[in-house]
């Protein structure tokens, strides 16, 4: 397998309602992790019948769009019904002492999320990490550290930030400040703090945010609060940038020719198009356009009344795309 580490769960429930509730609860947890911790917007919804997990009654997915316009299935959650319980003879005793088959769920995500972070937020200078998962959230780079008092002040800043629970590093190596700037940009550290003799004289430092390279002069007296604000600014900035990229590469289409045209003119991305529900049409769309179904979003819209492929009455709005 290309995915070595999995976060996976399986549950068994007395009723179908409880199992379905758990299935959607886990899907929403995965979506919350992606959007609020990894700053990666996702589309939530069920898979088509042909794209379900084998043996599942229903499969739900969260789909993200990468820099290059390809879709990535970031997590799945499955409701199995009681089919597997029947197949393996698994029963439980009810309150009435009757044997019943339980209803099962399964859900998981994998180390593909590491790739998703890189391919959603990275740029030509290297990684850009959301603060929640950045090993180093803020790095202090002393400028002219050979001068008296610079390293002492830098260590004071380090202690203050560490005491606040911020994952901070002080780089007091002999490398030049410019080398350090490039090093931590490549590593995707969300916030860089520059401190030199002139800054110390004015009781300030320079704070640089990785996602947009904006510089802010900050008083040393309120640095802890400002760094916390900047970390949230990085998270929200990354999310909004990824969301804008997804919007710019999402195309509403009402015909096969329009799908081909949009992809040819604008590059890969999500295609939103209506579908009749027939698996033959699903296969035909992929054959003609090279985009396959990703999910049927919970938030449905009526782009047209007819299927993008066959012209028969449409049942669902579907997100289509090329996928890893």
C-alpha atoms as a PDB file:
ATOM      1  CA  UNK A   1       0.000   0.000   0.000  1.00  0.00           C
ATOM      2  CA  UNK A   2       1.100   3.573  -0.612  1.00  0.00           C
ATOM      3  CA  UNK A   3      -0.518   4.587   2.674  1.00  0.00           C
ATOM      4  CA  UNK A   4       1.360   3.102   5.591  1.00  0.00           C
ATOM      5  CA  UNK A   5      -0.388   4.672   8.565  1.00  0.00           C
ATOM      6  CA  UNK A   6      -4.150   4.688   9.029  1.00  0.00           C
ATOM      7  CA  UNK A   7      -6.465   6.219  11.595  1.00  0.00           C
ATOM      8  CA  UNK A   8      -9.402   3.843  11.403  1.00  0.00           C
ATOM      9  CA  UNK A   9     -12.375   2.854  13.511  1.00  0.00           C
ATOM     10  CA  UNK A  10     -15.114   0.238  13.510  1.00  0.00           C
ATOM     11  CA  UNK A  11     -18.267   0.340  15.618  1.00  0.00           C
ATOM     12  CA  UNK A  12     -21.265  -1.911  16.137  1.00  0.00           C
ATOM     13  CA  UNK A  13     -24.702  -0.579  17.074  1.00  0.00           C
ATOM     14  CA  UNK A  14     -28.045  -2.005  18.085  1.00  0.00           C
ATOM     15  CA  UNK A  15     -30.029   0.029  15.557  1.00  0.00           C
ATOM     16  CA  UNK A  16     -29.592   1.348  12.043  1.00  0.00           C
ATOM     17  CA  UNK A  17     -30.340   4.870  13.312  1.00  0.00           C
ATOM     18  CA  UNK A  18     -27.494   4.766  15.834  1.00  0.00           C
ATOM     19  CA  UNK A  19     -25.055   3.429  13.231  1.00  0.00           C
ATOM     20  CA  UNK A  20     -26.028   6.039  10.651  1.00  0.00           C
ATOM     21  CA  UNK A  21     -25.656   8.778  13.258  1.00  0.00           C
ATOM     22  CA  UNK A  22     -22.147   7.533  14.090  1.00  0.00           C
ATOM     23  CA  UNK A  23     -21.234   7.354  10.397  1.00  0.00           C
ATOM     24  CA  UNK A  24     -22.090  11.012   9.842  1.00  0.00           C
ATOM     25  CA  UNK A  25     -20.592  12.091  13.178  1.00  0.00           C
ATOM     26  CA  UNK A  26     -17.208  10.727  12.145  1.00  0.00           C
ATOM     27  CA  UNK A  27     -17.459  12.259   8.692  1.00  0.00           C
ATOM     28  CA  UNK A  28     -18.049  15.642  10.337  1.00  0.00           C
ATOM     29  CA  UNK A  29     -15.103  15.124  12.681  1.00  0.00           C
ATOM     30  CA  UNK A  30     -12.826  14.467   9.716  1.00  0.00           C
ATOM     31  CA  UNK A  31     -14.181  17.546   7.948  1.00  0.00           C
ATOM     32  CA  UNK A  32     -13.605  19.617  11.082  1.00  0.00           C
ATOM     33  CA  UNK A  33      -9.994  18.411  11.342  1.00  0.00           C
ATOM     34  CA  UNK A  34      -9.345  19.247   7.694  1.00  0.00           C
ATOM     35  CA  UNK A  35     -10.977  22.674   7.724  1.00  0.00           C
ATOM     36  CA  UNK A  36     -10.193  24.007  11.210  1.00  0.00           C
ATOM     37  CA  UNK A  37      -6.814  22.379  11.892  1.00  0.00           C
ATOM     38  CA  UNK A  38      -5.350  21.773   8.429  1.00  0.00           C
ATOM     39  CA  UNK A  39      -6.989  24.870   6.858  1.00  0.00           C
ATOM     40  CA  UNK A  40      -8.127  22.720   3.933  1.00  0.00           C
ATOM     41  CA  UNK A  41     -11.722  23.203   2.677  1.00  0.00           C
ATOM     42  CA  UNK A  42     -13.593  20.023   1.795  1.00  0.00           C
ATOM     43  CA  UNK A  43     -16.814  18.965   0.095  1.00  0.00           C
ATOM     44  CA  UNK A  44     -18.920  16.505   2.120  1.00  0.00           C
ATOM     45  CA  UNK A  45     -21.360  14.003   0.694  1.00  0.00           C
ATOM     46  CA  UNK A  46     -22.158  10.403  -0.224  1.00  0.00           C
ATOM     47  CA  UNK A  47     -20.364   8.487  -2.933  1.00  0.00           C
ATOM     48  CA  UNK A  48     -22.261   7.149  -5.928  1.00  0.00           C
ATOM     49  CA  UNK A  49     -23.432   3.546  -5.875  1.00  0.00           C
ATOM     50  CA  UNK A  50     -20.524   2.352  -8.019  1.00  0.00           C
ATOM     51  CA  UNK A  51     -17.966   4.193  -5.890  1.00  0.00           C
ATOM     52  CA  UNK A  52     -19.098   2.883  -2.502  1.00  0.00           C
ATOM     53  CA  UNK A  53     -16.936   0.662  -0.312  1.00  0.00           C
ATOM     54  CA  UNK A  54     -17.626  -2.972  -1.186  1.00  0.00           C
ATOM     55  CA  UNK A  55     -20.454  -4.254   0.959  1.00  0.00           C
ATOM     56  CA  UNK A  56     -21.426  -0.847   2.346  1.00  0.00           C
ATOM     57  CA  UNK A  57     -24.989   0.428   2.348  1.00  0.00           C
ATOM     58  CA  UNK A  58     -23.611   3.950   1.973  1.00  0.00           C
ATOM     59  CA  UNK A  59     -20.183   5.573   1.816  1.00  0.00           C
ATOM     60  CA  UNK A  60     -19.575   9.227   2.633  1.00  0.00           C
ATOM     61  CA  UNK A  61     -16.439  11.178   1.751  1.00  0.00           C
ATOM     62  CA  UNK A  62     -14.727  14.515   2.182  1.00  0.00           C
ATOM     63  CA  UNK A  63     -13.124  15.737  -1.040  1.00  0.00           C
ATOM     64  CA  UNK A  64     -10.406  18.392  -1.250  1.00  0.00           C
ATOM     65  CA  UNK A  65      -8.888  20.151  -4.252  1.00  0.00           C
ATOM     66  CA  UNK A  66      -5.119  20.337  -4.604  1.00  0.00           C
ATOM     67  CA  UNK A  67      -3.007  23.116  -6.155  1.00  0.00           C
ATOM     68  CA  UNK A  68      -2.895  21.350  -9.501  1.00  0.00           C
ATOM     69  CA  UNK A  69      -6.668  20.987  -9.788  1.00  0.00           C
ATOM     70  CA  UNK A  70      -6.793  17.301  -8.880  1.00  0.00           C
ATOM     71  CA  UNK A  71      -9.186  16.003  -6.244  1.00  0.00           C
ATOM     72  CA  UNK A  72      -8.074  14.124  -3.147  1.00  0.00           C
ATOM     73  CA  UNK A  73     -10.353  11.938  -1.062  1.00  0.00           C
ATOM     74  CA  UNK A  74      -9.317  13.136   2.383  1.00  0.00           C
ATOM     75  CA  UNK A  75     -11.406  10.741   4.466  1.00  0.00           C
ATOM     76  CA  UNK A  76     -14.324   8.318   4.294  1.00  0.00           C
ATOM     77  CA  UNK A  77     -17.030   7.001   6.585  1.00  0.00           C
ATOM     78  CA  UNK A  78     -19.143   3.918   5.802  1.00  0.00           C
ATOM     79  CA  UNK A  79     -22.468   2.583   7.003  1.00  0.00           C
ATOM     80  CA  UNK A  80     -22.488  -1.203   6.532  1.00  0.00           C
ATOM     81  CA  UNK A  81     -25.971  -2.053   7.743  1.00  0.00           C
ATOM     82  CA  UNK A  82     -26.078  -5.599   9.157  1.00  0.00           C
ATOM     83  CA  UNK A  83     -24.812  -7.383   6.059  1.00  0.00           C
ATOM     84  CA  UNK A  84     -21.389  -8.238   7.487  1.00  0.00           C
ATOM     85  CA  UNK A  85     -22.946  -9.293  10.789  1.00  0.00           C
ATOM     86  CA  UNK A  86     -25.176 -11.749   8.933  1.00  0.00           C
ATOM     87  CA  UNK A  87     -22.275 -13.021   6.827  1.00  0.00           C
ATOM     88  CA  UNK A  88     -20.127 -13.751   9.898  1.00  0.00           C
ATOM     89  CA  UNK A  89     -22.908 -14.792  12.261  1.00  0.00           C
ATOM     90  CA  UNK A  90     -22.481 -11.861  14.689  1.00  0.00           C
ATOM     91  CA  UNK A  91     -25.465 -11.336  16.972  1.00  0.00           C
ATOM     92  CA  UNK A  92     -26.301  -9.620  20.241  1.00  0.00           C
ATOM     93  CA  UNK A  93     -28.972 -10.162  22.862  1.00  0.00           C
ATOM     94  CA  UNK A  94     -31.747  -7.572  23.006  1.00  0.00           C
ATOM     95  CA  UNK A  95     -33.463  -6.506  26.232  1.00  0.00           C
ATOM     96  CA  UNK A  96     -36.097  -9.076  25.350  1.00  0.00           C
ATOM     97  CA  UNK A  97     -33.370 -11.755  25.188  1.00  0.00           C
ATOM     98  CA  UNK A  98     -33.704 -12.102  21.417  1.00  0.00           C
ATOM     99  CA  UNK A  99     -30.791 -12.560  19.030  1.00  0.00           C
ATOM    100  CA  UNK A 100     -30.432  -9.682  16.572  1.00  0.00           C
ATOM    101  CA  UNK A 101     -27.827  -8.740  14.005  1.00  0.00           C
ATOM    102  CA  UNK A 102     -26.039  -5.460  14.864  1.00  0.00           C
ATOM    103  CA  UNK A 103     -25.440  -2.579  12.465  1.00  0.00           C
ATOM    104  CA  UNK A 104     -21.860  -1.644  11.696  1.00  0.00           C
ATOM    105  CA  UNK A 105     -19.800   1.372  10.691  1.00  0.00           C
ATOM    106  CA  UNK A 106     -16.240   1.916   9.579  1.00  0.00           C
ATOM    107  CA  UNK A 107     -14.362   5.151   9.025  1.00  0.00           C
ATOM    108  CA  UNK A 108     -10.818   6.218   8.366  1.00  0.00           C
ATOM    109  CA  UNK A 109      -8.250   8.570   7.028  1.00  0.00           C
ATOM    110  CA  UNK A 110      -4.552   8.102   6.343  1.00  0.00           C
ATOM    111  CA  UNK A 111      -1.147   9.660   5.947  1.00  0.00           C
ATOM    112  CA  UNK A 112      -2.361  11.006   2.588  1.00  0.00           C
ATOM    113  CA  UNK A 113      -3.351  14.041   4.681  1.00  0.00           C
ATOM    114  CA  UNK A 114       0.353  14.880   4.943  1.00  0.00           C
ATOM    115  CA  UNK A 115       0.472  15.042   1.162  1.00  0.00           C
ATOM    116  CA  UNK A 116      -2.761  17.025   1.186  1.00  0.00           C
ATOM    117  CA  UNK A 117      -1.207  19.696   3.433  1.00  0.00           C
ATOM    118  CA  UNK A 118       1.803  19.991   1.137  1.00  0.00           C
ATOM    119  CA  UNK A 119      -0.258  20.082  -2.058  1.00  0.00           C
ATOM    120  CA  UNK A 120      -2.884  22.485  -0.724  1.00  0.00           C
ATOM    121  CA  UNK A 121      -0.635  25.072   0.929  1.00  0.00           C
ATOM    122  CA  UNK A 122       2.932  24.601  -0.319  1.00  0.00           C
ATOM    123  CA  UNK A 123       4.600  27.098  -2.651  1.00  0.00           C
ATOM    124  CA  UNK A 124       7.799  27.447  -4.664  1.00  0.00           C
ATOM    125  CA  UNK A 125       9.791  28.189  -1.494  1.00  0.00           C
ATOM    126  CA  UNK A 126       8.754  25.005   0.270  1.00  0.00           C
ATOM    127  CA  UNK A 127       6.247  23.962   2.889  1.00  0.00           C
ATOM    128  CA  UNK A 128       3.574  26.227   4.317  1.00  0.00           C
ATOM    129  CA  UNK A 129       2.256  24.543   7.456  1.00  0.00           C
ATOM    130  CA  UNK A 130      -0.978  25.245   9.307  1.00  0.00           C
ATOM    131  CA  UNK A 131      -0.049  26.222  12.884  1.00  0.00           C
ATOM    132  CA  UNK A 132      -1.996  23.338  14.462  1.00  0.00           C
ATOM    133  CA  UNK A 133       0.333  20.747  12.928  1.00  0.00           C
ATOM    134  CA  UNK A 134       3.559  22.756  12.585  1.00  0.00           C
ATOM    135  CA  UNK A 135       6.325  21.198  14.737  1.00  0.00           C
ATOM    136  CA  UNK A 136       7.721  24.723  15.131  1.00  0.00           C
ATOM    137  CA  UNK A 137       5.026  27.395  15.247  1.00  0.00           C
ATOM    138  CA  UNK A 138       7.377  30.355  15.701  1.00  0.00           C
ATOM    139  CA  UNK A 139      11.112  30.700  15.199  1.00  0.00           C
ATOM    140  CA  UNK A 140      13.238  33.450  16.699  1.00  0.00           C
ATOM    141  CA  UNK A 141      16.089  34.577  14.455  1.00  0.00           C
ATOM    142  CA  UNK A 142      18.600  36.882  16.162  1.00  0.00           C
ATOM    143  CA  UNK A 143      20.148  39.504  13.894  1.00  0.00           C
ATOM    144  CA  UNK A 144      23.769  40.497  14.633  1.00  0.00           C
ATOM    145  CA  UNK A 145      23.701  37.965  17.452  1.00  0.00           C
ATOM    146  CA  UNK A 146      27.408  38.496  18.110  1.00  0.00           C
ATOM    147  CA  UNK A 147      26.586  41.906  19.598  1.00  0.00           C
ATOM    148  CA  UNK A 148      26.169  42.197  23.328  1.00  0.00           C
ATOM    149  CA  UNK A 149      22.707  41.527  24.698  1.00  0.00           C
ATOM    150  CA  UNK A 150      21.070  40.185  21.508  1.00  0.00           C
ATOM    151  CA  UNK A 151      21.077  36.508  22.456  1.00  0.00           C
ATOM    152  CA  UNK A 152      20.079  37.327  26.032  1.00  0.00           C
ATOM    153  CA  UNK A 153      16.989  39.176  24.814  1.00  0.00           C
ATOM    154  CA  UNK A 154      16.236  36.435  22.299  1.00  0.00           C
ATOM    155  CA  UNK A 155      16.311  33.831  25.082  1.00  0.00           C
ATOM    156  CA  UNK A 156      13.911  35.946  27.134  1.00  0.00           C
ATOM    157  CA  UNK A 157      11.485  35.972  24.196  1.00  0.00           C
ATOM    158  CA  UNK A 158      11.878  32.228  23.816  1.00  0.00           C
ATOM    159  CA  UNK A 159      11.016  31.637  27.471  1.00  0.00           C
ATOM    160  CA  UNK A 160       7.983  33.938  27.318  1.00  0.00           C
ATOM    161  CA  UNK A 161       6.529  32.256  24.237  1.00  0.00           C
ATOM    162  CA  UNK A 162       7.251  28.744  25.457  1.00  0.00           C
ATOM    163  CA  UNK A 163       5.501  29.513  28.739  1.00  0.00           C
ATOM    164  CA  UNK A 164       2.403  30.419  26.703  1.00  0.00           C
ATOM    165  CA  UNK A 165       2.330  26.973  25.093  1.00  0.00           C
ATOM    166  CA  UNK A 166       3.668  28.113  21.717  1.00  0.00           C
ATOM    167  CA  UNK A 167       6.009  25.642  20.003  1.00  0.00           C
ATOM    168  CA  UNK A 168       8.936  28.025  19.599  1.00  0.00           C
ATOM    169  CA  UNK A 169      12.551  27.620  18.509  1.00  0.00           C
ATOM    170  CA  UNK A 170      15.478  29.966  18.986  1.00  0.00           C
ATOM    171  CA  UNK A 171      18.065  29.517  16.241  1.00  0.00           C
ATOM    172  CA  UNK A 172      21.340  30.730  17.728  1.00  0.00           C
ATOM    173  CA  UNK A 173      23.483  28.789  15.239  1.00  0.00           C
ATOM    174  CA  UNK A 174      26.351  30.461  13.381  1.00  0.00           C
ATOM    175  CA  UNK A 175      24.452  30.561  10.083  1.00  0.00           C
ATOM    176  CA  UNK A 176      23.616  33.999   8.697  1.00  0.00           C
ATOM    177  CA  UNK A 177      20.148  35.507   9.256  1.00  0.00           C
ATOM    178  CA  UNK A 178      19.443  35.273   5.526  1.00  0.00           C
ATOM    179  CA  UNK A 179      20.271  31.572   5.516  1.00  0.00           C
ATOM    180  CA  UNK A 180      17.985  31.050   8.497  1.00  0.00           C
ATOM    181  CA  UNK A 181      15.146  32.994   6.860  1.00  0.00           C
ATOM    182  CA  UNK A 182      15.303  30.709   3.815  1.00  0.00           C
ATOM    183  CA  UNK A 183      15.651  27.581   5.959  1.00  0.00           C
ATOM    184  CA  UNK A 184      12.512  28.199   7.995  1.00  0.00           C
ATOM    185  CA  UNK A 185      10.542  29.347   4.990  1.00  0.00           C
ATOM    186  CA  UNK A 186      11.351  26.024   3.343  1.00  0.00           C
ATOM    187  CA  UNK A 187      10.265  24.182   6.494  1.00  0.00           C
ATOM    188  CA  UNK A 188       6.974  26.069   6.503  1.00  0.00           C
ATOM    189  CA  UNK A 189       7.260  27.614   9.985  1.00  0.00           C
ATOM    190  CA  UNK A 190       4.145  29.824  10.306  1.00  0.00           C
ATOM    191  CA  UNK A 191       5.737  32.777  12.106  1.00  0.00           C
ATOM    192  CA  UNK A 192       9.279  34.193  12.134  1.00  0.00           C
ATOM    193  CA  UNK A 193      10.485  36.673  14.747  1.00  0.00           C
ATOM    194  CA  UNK A 194      13.477  38.857  13.875  1.00  0.00           C
ATOM    195  CA  UNK A 195      15.333  40.563  16.719  1.00  0.00           C
ATOM    196  CA  UNK A 196      18.411  42.750  16.391  1.00  0.00           C
ATOM    197  CA  UNK A 197      20.193  45.505  18.354  1.00  0.00           C
ATOM    198  CA  UNK A 198      18.073  48.318  16.860  1.00  0.00           C
ATOM    199  CA  UNK A 199      14.906  46.407  17.685  1.00  0.00           C
ATOM    200  CA  UNK A 200      16.026  45.873  21.270  1.00  0.00           C
ATOM    201  CA  UNK A 201      16.824  49.560  21.634  1.00  0.00           C
ATOM    202  CA  UNK A 202      13.246  50.376  20.606  1.00  0.00           C
ATOM    203  CA  UNK A 203      11.677  47.526  22.651  1.00  0.00           C
ATOM    204  CA  UNK A 204      10.309  45.855  19.517  1.00  0.00           C
ATOM    205  CA  UNK A 205      10.798  43.018  17.063  1.00  0.00           C
ATOM    206  CA  UNK A 206       9.715  42.191  13.510  1.00  0.00           C
ATOM    207  CA  UNK A 207       7.157  39.415  12.996  1.00  0.00           C
ATOM    208  CA  UNK A 208       6.844  37.779   9.552  1.00  0.00           C
ATOM    209  CA  UNK A 209       3.972  35.442   8.619  1.00  0.00           C
ATOM    210  CA  UNK A 210       4.910  32.616   6.247  1.00  0.00           C
ATOM    211  CA  UNK A 211       1.734  32.398   4.146  1.00  0.00           C
ATOM    212  CA  UNK A 212       1.893  36.003   2.869  1.00  0.00           C
ATOM    213  CA  UNK A 213       5.359  37.207   4.023  1.00  0.00           C
ATOM    214  CA  UNK A 214       3.862  40.273   5.663  1.00  0.00           C
ATOM    215  CA  UNK A 215       6.102  42.033   8.185  1.00  0.00           C
ATOM    216  CA  UNK A 216       4.729  43.613  11.345  1.00  0.00           C
ATOM    217  CA  UNK A 217       6.653  45.635  13.923  1.00  0.00           C
ATOM    218  CA  UNK A 218       5.540  44.459  17.370  1.00  0.00           C
ATOM    219  CA  UNK A 219       6.260  45.783  20.868  1.00  0.00           C
ATOM    220  CA  UNK A 220       8.067  43.239  23.035  1.00  0.00           C
ATOM    221  CA  UNK A 221       5.590  44.016  25.804  1.00  0.00           C
ATOM    222  CA  UNK A 222       2.680  42.396  23.943  1.00  0.00           C
ATOM    223  CA  UNK A 223       4.496  39.809  21.841  1.00  0.00           C
ATOM    224  CA  UNK A 224       2.754  36.757  23.319  1.00  0.00           C
ATOM    225  CA  UNK A 225      -0.715  38.016  22.436  1.00  0.00           C
ATOM    226  CA  UNK A 226       0.363  39.146  18.967  1.00  0.00           C
ATOM    227  CA  UNK A 227       1.975  35.789  18.139  1.00  0.00           C
ATOM    228  CA  UNK A 228      -1.235  33.982  19.142  1.00  0.00           C
ATOM    229  CA  UNK A 229      -3.162  36.347  16.847  1.00  0.00           C
ATOM    230  CA  UNK A 230      -0.685  35.826  14.018  1.00  0.00           C
ATOM    231  CA  UNK A 231      -0.976  32.044  14.269  1.00  0.00           C
ATOM    232  CA  UNK A 232      -4.740  32.322  13.851  1.00  0.00           C
ATOM    233  CA  UNK A 233      -4.160  34.802  11.001  1.00  0.00           C
ATOM    234  CA  UNK A 234      -1.993  32.198   9.253  1.00  0.00           C
ATOM    235  CA  UNK A 235      -4.641  29.490   9.713  1.00  0.00           C
ATOM    236  CA  UNK A 236      -7.488  31.641   8.416  1.00  0.00           C
ATOM    237  CA  UNK A 237      -5.327  33.052   5.626  1.00  0.00           C
ATOM    238  CA  UNK A 238      -4.371  29.581   4.426  1.00  0.00           C
ATOM    239  CA  UNK A 239      -7.999  28.449   4.517  1.00  0.00           C
ATOM    240  CA  UNK A 240      -9.252  31.465   2.581  1.00  0.00           C
ATOM    241  CA  UNK A 241      -6.490  31.104   0.006  1.00  0.00           C
ATOM    242  CA  UNK A 242      -7.291  27.403  -0.504  1.00  0.00           C
ATOM    243  CA  UNK A 243     -11.007  28.186  -0.681  1.00  0.00           C
ATOM    244  CA  UNK A 244     -10.390  30.895  -3.283  1.00  0.00           C
ATOM    245  CA  UNK A 245      -8.327  28.430  -5.321  1.00  0.00           C
ATOM    246  CA  UNK A 246     -11.144  25.887  -5.172  1.00  0.00           C
ATOM    247  CA  UNK A 247     -13.734  28.465  -6.219  1.00  0.00           C
ATOM    248  CA  UNK A 248     -11.542  29.611  -9.111  1.00  0.00           C
ATOM    249  CA  UNK A 249     -11.227  26.004 -10.287  1.00  0.00           C
ATOM    250  CA  UNK A 250     -14.827  24.869  -9.871  1.00  0.00           C
ATOM    251  CA  UNK A 251     -16.858  24.888 -13.080  1.00  0.00           C
ATOM    252  CA  UNK A 252     -20.629  24.613 -13.477  1.00  0.00           C
ATOM    253  CA  UNK A 253     -21.414  22.697 -16.653  1.00  0.00           C
ATOM    254  CA  UNK A 254     -24.612  21.544 -18.367  1.00  0.00           C
ATOM    255  CA  UNK A 255     -23.174  19.490 -21.234  1.00  0.00           C
ATOM    256  CA  UNK A 256     -20.283  17.179 -22.041  1.00  0.00           C
ATOM    257  CA  UNK A 257     -18.890  19.726 -24.500  1.00  0.00           C
ATOM    258  CA  UNK A 258     -18.953  22.417 -21.823  1.00  0.00           C
ATOM    259  CA  UNK A 259     -17.027  20.169 -19.416  1.00  0.00           C
ATOM    260  CA  UNK A 260     -14.353  19.601 -22.051  1.00  0.00           C
ATOM    261  CA  UNK A 261     -14.203  23.302 -22.877  1.00  0.00           C
ATOM    262  CA  UNK A 262     -13.923  24.459 -19.249  1.00  0.00           C
ATOM    263  CA  UNK A 263     -11.177  21.973 -18.460  1.00  0.00           C
ATOM    264  CA  UNK A 264      -9.307  22.800 -21.661  1.00  0.00           C
ATOM    265  CA  UNK A 265      -9.450  26.553 -21.061  1.00  0.00           C
ATOM    266  CA  UNK A 266      -8.983  26.675 -17.294  1.00  0.00           C
ATOM    267  CA  UNK A 267      -7.132  23.502 -16.327  1.00  0.00           C
ATOM    268  CA  UNK A 268      -8.177  20.717 -13.994  1.00  0.00           C
ATOM    269  CA  UNK A 269     -10.598  21.323 -11.151  1.00  0.00           C
ATOM    270  CA  UNK A 270     -13.990  20.352  -9.803  1.00  0.00           C
ATOM    271  CA  UNK A 271     -16.820  20.126 -12.318  1.00  0.00           C
ATOM    272  CA  UNK A 272     -20.325  20.533 -10.932  1.00  0.00           C
ATOM    273  CA  UNK A 273     -22.894  18.889 -13.185  1.00  0.00           C
ATOM    274  CA  UNK A 274     -26.280  17.221 -12.920  1.00  0.00           C
ATOM    275  CA  UNK A 275     -26.619  13.426 -13.155  1.00  0.00           C
ATOM    276  CA  UNK A 276     -29.527  11.053 -13.682  1.00  0.00           C
ATOM    277  CA  UNK A 277     -28.221   8.406 -11.297  1.00  0.00           C
ATOM    278  CA  UNK A 278     -27.450   5.813 -13.992  1.00  0.00           C
ATOM    279  CA  UNK A 279     -24.017   4.185 -13.584  1.00  0.00           C
ATOM    280  CA  UNK A 280     -23.720   3.891 -17.384  1.00  0.00           C
ATOM    281  CA  UNK A 281     -23.885   7.679 -17.642  1.00  0.00           C
ATOM    282  CA  UNK A 282     -21.353   7.981 -14.837  1.00  0.00           C
ATOM    283  CA  UNK A 283     -18.951   5.751 -16.767  1.00  0.00           C
ATOM    284  CA  UNK A 284     -19.648   7.584 -20.037  1.00  0.00           C
ATOM    285  CA  UNK A 285     -18.866  10.982 -18.486  1.00  0.00           C
ATOM    286  CA  UNK A 286     -15.490   9.700 -17.295  1.00  0.00           C
ATOM    287  CA  UNK A 287     -14.762   8.107 -20.671  1.00  0.00           C
ATOM    288  CA  UNK A 288     -15.544  11.307 -22.586  1.00  0.00           C
ATOM    289  CA  UNK A 289     -14.104  13.915 -20.201  1.00  0.00           C
ATOM    290  CA  UNK A 290     -11.601  12.025 -17.988  1.00  0.00           C
ATOM    291  CA  UNK A 291     -13.336  13.299 -14.843  1.00  0.00           C
ATOM    292  CA  UNK A 292     -14.980  10.814 -12.478  1.00  0.00           C
ATOM    293  CA  UNK A 293     -17.575  11.299  -9.759  1.00  0.00           C
ATOM    294  CA  UNK A 294     -16.130  12.480  -6.452  1.00  0.00           C
ATOM    295  CA  UNK A 295     -19.243  12.830  -4.308  1.00  0.00           C
ATOM    296  CA  UNK A 296     -22.876  13.934  -4.238  1.00  0.00           C
ATOM    297  CA  UNK A 297     -22.694  17.028  -2.001  1.00  0.00           C
ATOM    298  CA  UNK A 298     -25.106  17.346   0.895  1.00  0.00           C
ATOM    299  CA  UNK A 299     -25.782  20.896  -0.269  1.00  0.00           C
ATOM    300  CA  UNK A 300     -27.680  20.303  -3.487  1.00  0.00           C
ATOM    301  CA  UNK A 301     -28.419  22.851  -6.220  1.00  0.00           C
ATOM    302  CA  UNK A 302     -30.395  22.488  -9.435  1.00  0.00           C
ATOM    303  CA  UNK A 303     -28.038  23.625 -12.196  1.00  0.00           C
ATOM    304  CA  UNK A 304     -30.409  22.201 -14.804  1.00  0.00           C
ATOM    305  CA  UNK A 305     -33.282  19.718 -15.043  1.00  0.00           C
ATOM    306  CA  UNK A 306     -31.457  17.181 -17.185  1.00  0.00           C
ATOM    307  CA  UNK A 307     -28.470  14.857 -16.903  1.00  0.00           C
ATOM    308  CA  UNK A 308     -25.271  16.298 -18.337  1.00  0.00           C
ATOM    309  CA  UNK A 309     -24.734  13.070 -20.279  1.00  0.00           C
ATOM    310  CA  UNK A 310     -28.021  11.550 -21.466  1.00  0.00           C
ATOM    311  CA  UNK A 311     -30.509  14.409 -21.211  1.00  0.00           C
ATOM    312  CA  UNK A 312     -32.921  12.453 -19.015  1.00  0.00           C
ATOM    313  CA  UNK A 313     -34.315  14.017 -15.790  1.00  0.00           C
ATOM    314  CA  UNK A 314     -31.540  14.745 -13.330  1.00  0.00           C
ATOM    315  CA  UNK A 315     -31.544  13.373  -9.783  1.00  0.00           C
ATOM    316  CA  UNK A 316     -28.370  14.789  -8.253  1.00  0.00           C
ATOM    317  CA  UNK A 317     -25.806  17.547  -8.486  1.00  0.00           C
ATOM    318  CA  UNK A 318     -22.423  15.776  -8.480  1.00  0.00           C
ATOM    319  CA  UNK A 319     -18.855  16.985  -8.071  1.00  0.00           C
ATOM    320  CA  UNK A 320     -16.640  15.444 -10.742  1.00  0.00           C
ATOM    321  CA  UNK A 321     -12.872  15.606 -11.039  1.00  0.00           C
ATOM    322  CA  UNK A 322      -9.570  13.944 -11.789  1.00  0.00           C
ATOM    323  CA  UNK A 323      -8.243  12.282  -8.682  1.00  0.00           C
ATOM    324  CA  UNK A 324      -5.065  10.917  -7.151  1.00  0.00           C
END
